[in-house]
N, C-alpha and C. Protein backbone atom coordinates (compact mmCIF):
# COMPACT_ATOMS: atom_id res chain seq x y z
N MET A 1 48.87 -35.42 -23.94
CA MET A 1 48.10 -34.81 -22.91
C MET A 1 46.64 -34.74 -23.37
N ALA A 2 45.77 -35.21 -22.53
CA ALA A 2 44.36 -35.28 -22.89
C ALA A 2 43.69 -33.94 -22.61
N GLU A 3 42.85 -33.52 -23.55
CA GLU A 3 42.13 -32.27 -23.36
C GLU A 3 40.83 -32.53 -22.60
N THR A 4 40.52 -31.66 -21.68
CA THR A 4 39.24 -31.76 -20.96
C THR A 4 38.36 -30.64 -21.45
N ARG A 5 37.22 -31.02 -22.02
CA ARG A 5 36.27 -30.03 -22.53
C ARG A 5 35.04 -30.04 -21.63
N PRO A 6 34.54 -28.89 -21.31
CA PRO A 6 33.35 -28.84 -20.47
C PRO A 6 32.15 -29.44 -21.21
N ASP A 7 31.26 -30.03 -20.44
CA ASP A 7 30.06 -30.64 -21.01
C ASP A 7 29.01 -29.54 -21.18
N ARG A 8 28.96 -28.97 -22.36
CA ARG A 8 28.07 -27.83 -22.61
C ARG A 8 26.60 -28.25 -22.63
N SER A 9 26.30 -29.45 -23.01
CA SER A 9 24.90 -29.88 -23.04
C SER A 9 24.33 -29.96 -21.62
N ARG A 10 25.16 -30.36 -20.65
CA ARG A 10 24.70 -30.41 -19.27
C ARG A 10 24.46 -29.00 -18.74
N ASP A 11 25.34 -28.06 -19.07
CA ASP A 11 25.17 -26.67 -18.65
C ASP A 11 23.93 -26.06 -19.29
N ALA A 12 23.70 -26.35 -20.55
CA ALA A 12 22.52 -25.82 -21.23
C ALA A 12 21.24 -26.38 -20.63
N ALA A 13 21.24 -27.66 -20.30
CA ALA A 13 20.06 -28.27 -19.68
C ALA A 13 19.78 -27.63 -18.32
N PHE A 14 20.83 -27.40 -17.55
CA PHE A 14 20.65 -26.76 -16.25
C PHE A 14 20.09 -25.35 -16.40
N ALA A 15 20.58 -24.61 -17.38
CA ALA A 15 20.09 -23.25 -17.62
C ALA A 15 18.61 -23.26 -18.00
N TRP A 16 18.21 -24.21 -18.86
CA TRP A 16 16.80 -24.30 -19.24
C TRP A 16 15.92 -24.68 -18.05
N ILE A 17 16.37 -25.59 -17.22
CA ILE A 17 15.60 -25.99 -16.04
C ILE A 17 15.44 -24.80 -15.09
N ALA A 18 16.50 -24.05 -14.88
CA ALA A 18 16.43 -22.88 -14.00
C ALA A 18 15.49 -21.83 -14.58
N ALA A 19 15.54 -21.61 -15.88
CA ALA A 19 14.66 -20.62 -16.51
C ALA A 19 13.20 -21.04 -16.41
N ILE A 20 12.91 -22.32 -16.64
CA ILE A 20 11.53 -22.82 -16.55
C ILE A 20 11.01 -22.74 -15.13
N ALA A 21 11.84 -23.09 -14.15
CA ALA A 21 11.43 -23.02 -12.75
C ALA A 21 11.14 -21.58 -12.34
N THR A 22 11.96 -20.65 -12.79
CA THR A 22 11.73 -19.23 -12.48
C THR A 22 10.44 -18.74 -13.11
N LEU A 23 10.23 -19.07 -14.36
CA LEU A 23 9.01 -18.67 -15.05
C LEU A 23 7.77 -19.27 -14.40
N ALA A 24 7.84 -20.54 -14.02
CA ALA A 24 6.71 -21.19 -13.36
C ALA A 24 6.38 -20.52 -12.02
N THR A 25 7.41 -20.15 -11.27
CA THR A 25 7.20 -19.45 -10.00
C THR A 25 6.50 -18.12 -10.21
N ILE A 26 6.92 -17.38 -11.21
CA ILE A 26 6.30 -16.08 -11.50
C ILE A 26 4.85 -16.25 -11.92
N VAL A 27 4.58 -17.22 -12.77
CA VAL A 27 3.21 -17.45 -13.23
C VAL A 27 2.32 -17.86 -12.07
N VAL A 28 2.77 -18.78 -11.24
CA VAL A 28 1.96 -19.22 -10.10
C VAL A 28 1.71 -18.07 -9.13
N ALA A 29 2.71 -17.24 -8.89
CA ALA A 29 2.54 -16.12 -7.96
C ALA A 29 1.53 -15.11 -8.47
N ASN A 30 1.43 -14.94 -9.77
CA ASN A 30 0.48 -13.97 -10.32
C ASN A 30 -0.90 -14.53 -10.55
N VAL A 31 -1.03 -15.84 -10.65
CA VAL A 31 -2.32 -16.46 -10.94
C VAL A 31 -3.00 -16.96 -9.68
N ALA A 32 -2.25 -17.42 -8.72
CA ALA A 32 -2.82 -18.00 -7.50
C ALA A 32 -3.61 -16.94 -6.73
N PRO A 33 -4.74 -17.34 -6.14
CA PRO A 33 -5.52 -16.37 -5.36
C PRO A 33 -4.76 -15.99 -4.09
N THR A 34 -4.96 -14.77 -3.67
CA THR A 34 -4.31 -14.30 -2.45
C THR A 34 -5.09 -14.78 -1.25
N ARG A 35 -4.39 -15.02 -0.20
CA ARG A 35 -5.04 -15.45 1.05
C ARG A 35 -4.96 -14.30 2.04
N GLY A 36 -5.85 -14.32 2.99
CA GLY A 36 -5.85 -13.29 4.01
C GLY A 36 -7.24 -12.71 4.16
N PRO A 37 -7.38 -11.79 5.07
CA PRO A 37 -8.70 -11.21 5.31
C PRO A 37 -9.18 -10.40 4.10
N ALA A 38 -10.48 -10.40 3.92
CA ALA A 38 -11.06 -9.63 2.83
C ALA A 38 -10.87 -8.14 3.13
N PRO A 39 -10.61 -7.35 2.13
CA PRO A 39 -10.43 -5.91 2.38
C PRO A 39 -11.72 -5.28 2.92
N GLN A 40 -11.55 -4.45 3.90
CA GLN A 40 -12.68 -3.74 4.50
C GLN A 40 -12.99 -2.50 3.67
N PRO A 41 -14.26 -2.12 3.60
CA PRO A 41 -14.57 -0.89 2.87
C PRO A 41 -13.92 0.31 3.56
N ALA A 42 -13.45 1.21 2.76
CA ALA A 42 -12.76 2.39 3.30
C ALA A 42 -13.75 3.29 4.02
N VAL A 43 -13.37 3.72 5.21
CA VAL A 43 -14.18 4.64 5.99
C VAL A 43 -13.72 6.05 5.63
N LEU A 44 -14.67 6.89 5.31
CA LEU A 44 -14.32 8.27 4.96
C LEU A 44 -13.80 9.01 6.19
N SER A 45 -12.74 9.73 6.01
CA SER A 45 -12.29 10.61 7.09
C SER A 45 -13.19 11.85 7.04
N PRO A 46 -13.28 12.56 8.13
CA PRO A 46 -14.11 13.76 8.11
C PRO A 46 -13.70 14.75 7.03
N ALA A 47 -12.42 14.79 6.69
CA ALA A 47 -11.96 15.71 5.64
C ALA A 47 -12.50 15.31 4.27
N ASP A 48 -12.77 14.01 4.08
CA ASP A 48 -13.28 13.53 2.80
C ASP A 48 -14.80 13.45 2.77
N ASP A 49 -15.44 13.61 3.91
CA ASP A 49 -16.90 13.53 4.01
C ASP A 49 -17.49 14.92 3.74
N PRO A 50 -18.18 15.10 2.61
CA PRO A 50 -18.71 16.43 2.31
C PRO A 50 -19.78 16.90 3.30
N GLY A 51 -20.37 15.99 4.06
CA GLY A 51 -21.38 16.38 5.05
C GLY A 51 -20.80 16.91 6.34
N CYS A 52 -19.52 16.72 6.57
CA CYS A 52 -18.89 17.18 7.81
C CYS A 52 -18.36 18.60 7.58
N ARG A 53 -18.87 19.58 8.37
CA ARG A 53 -18.44 20.98 8.23
C ARG A 53 -17.23 21.30 9.09
N GLU A 54 -17.06 20.57 10.21
CA GLU A 54 -15.99 20.88 11.15
C GLU A 54 -15.46 19.58 11.75
N TRP A 55 -14.13 19.46 11.87
CA TRP A 55 -13.56 18.26 12.47
C TRP A 55 -12.28 18.61 13.20
N THR A 56 -11.82 17.68 14.04
CA THR A 56 -10.62 17.92 14.83
C THR A 56 -9.86 16.62 15.03
N ASP A 57 -8.57 16.76 15.34
CA ASP A 57 -7.74 15.62 15.73
C ASP A 57 -7.15 15.88 17.11
N SER A 58 -7.80 16.72 17.89
CA SER A 58 -7.40 17.15 19.23
C SER A 58 -6.19 18.07 19.21
N CYS A 59 -5.70 18.43 18.04
CA CYS A 59 -4.59 19.37 17.92
C CYS A 59 -5.00 20.61 17.15
N ARG A 60 -5.73 20.40 16.13
CA ARG A 60 -6.17 21.51 15.29
C ARG A 60 -7.62 21.28 14.92
N VAL A 61 -8.28 22.36 14.58
CA VAL A 61 -9.67 22.33 14.17
C VAL A 61 -9.73 22.75 12.71
N CYS A 62 -10.47 22.01 11.92
CA CYS A 62 -10.62 22.35 10.50
C CYS A 62 -12.08 22.61 10.21
N ILE A 63 -12.33 23.57 9.35
CA ILE A 63 -13.70 23.87 8.92
C ILE A 63 -13.75 23.89 7.40
N ARG A 64 -14.93 23.54 6.90
CA ARG A 64 -15.16 23.58 5.46
C ARG A 64 -16.20 24.67 5.22
N ASP A 65 -15.87 25.63 4.37
CA ASP A 65 -16.84 26.67 4.01
C ASP A 65 -16.81 26.87 2.50
N ALA A 66 -17.43 27.92 2.05
CA ALA A 66 -17.53 28.16 0.61
C ALA A 66 -16.15 28.40 -0.03
N ASP A 67 -15.19 28.88 0.76
CA ASP A 67 -13.84 29.15 0.24
C ASP A 67 -12.94 27.92 0.24
N GLY A 68 -13.37 26.82 0.87
CA GLY A 68 -12.54 25.61 0.93
C GLY A 68 -12.38 25.16 2.36
N ILE A 69 -11.30 24.48 2.62
CA ILE A 69 -11.01 23.94 3.95
C ILE A 69 -9.94 24.81 4.61
N HIS A 70 -10.19 25.16 5.87
CA HIS A 70 -9.26 25.98 6.64
C HIS A 70 -9.01 25.29 7.97
N CYS A 71 -7.73 25.18 8.37
CA CYS A 71 -7.36 24.52 9.62
C CYS A 71 -6.55 25.45 10.50
N SER A 72 -6.73 25.29 11.81
CA SER A 72 -5.95 26.07 12.76
C SER A 72 -4.54 25.50 12.85
N THR A 73 -3.65 26.25 13.48
CA THR A 73 -2.28 25.80 13.68
C THR A 73 -2.22 24.96 14.95
N PRO A 74 -1.60 23.78 14.91
CA PRO A 74 -1.53 22.95 16.12
C PRO A 74 -0.66 23.60 17.19
N GLY A 75 -0.97 23.28 18.43
CA GLY A 75 -0.20 23.80 19.55
C GLY A 75 1.18 23.18 19.63
N PHE A 76 2.02 23.72 20.52
CA PHE A 76 3.41 23.29 20.64
C PHE A 76 3.53 21.85 21.11
N ALA A 77 2.80 21.45 22.13
CA ALA A 77 2.93 20.10 22.70
C ALA A 77 1.72 19.24 22.33
N CYS A 78 1.26 19.39 21.14
CA CYS A 78 0.06 18.70 20.69
C CYS A 78 0.31 17.22 20.49
N GLN A 79 -0.67 16.40 20.89
CA GLN A 79 -0.63 14.97 20.65
C GLN A 79 -1.89 14.60 19.88
N ARG A 80 -1.72 14.25 18.64
CA ARG A 80 -2.86 14.00 17.77
C ARG A 80 -3.62 12.74 18.16
N ALA A 81 -4.90 12.79 17.91
CA ALA A 81 -5.79 11.64 18.10
C ALA A 81 -6.47 11.36 16.76
N ALA A 82 -7.37 10.42 16.76
CA ALA A 82 -8.09 10.10 15.52
C ALA A 82 -8.98 11.27 15.12
N LEU A 83 -9.12 11.48 13.83
CA LEU A 83 -10.00 12.54 13.33
C LEU A 83 -11.44 12.22 13.70
N ARG A 84 -12.19 13.24 14.10
CA ARG A 84 -13.61 13.05 14.39
C ARG A 84 -14.36 14.29 13.96
N CYS A 85 -15.53 14.08 13.42
CA CYS A 85 -16.37 15.17 12.97
C CYS A 85 -17.04 15.81 14.18
N THR A 86 -16.99 17.14 14.27
CA THR A 86 -17.60 17.84 15.39
C THR A 86 -18.73 18.74 14.98
N GLY A 87 -19.01 18.85 13.70
CA GLY A 87 -20.13 19.68 13.23
C GLY A 87 -20.58 19.28 11.85
N ARG A 88 -21.88 19.13 11.71
CA ARG A 88 -22.47 18.78 10.40
C ARG A 88 -23.35 19.89 9.93
């Protein structure tokens, strides 16, 4: 009865090819420049703008004073809008 032995050199070659392909993919993904729109500069929200003393999102009003930032409680059926500065 003839013995059948697996071809280990073929398996090893396949493993090396798979490892090299994986490594090459990772290197290319980290080195290649990204495509897409350029990032826009961040716009300060009124809460982050030290010049804005009072702002609202149509639900609550926030003020900045010497003690810090204080905000009102939003109403029951409030629908928020974009933050906007209402006092400088």
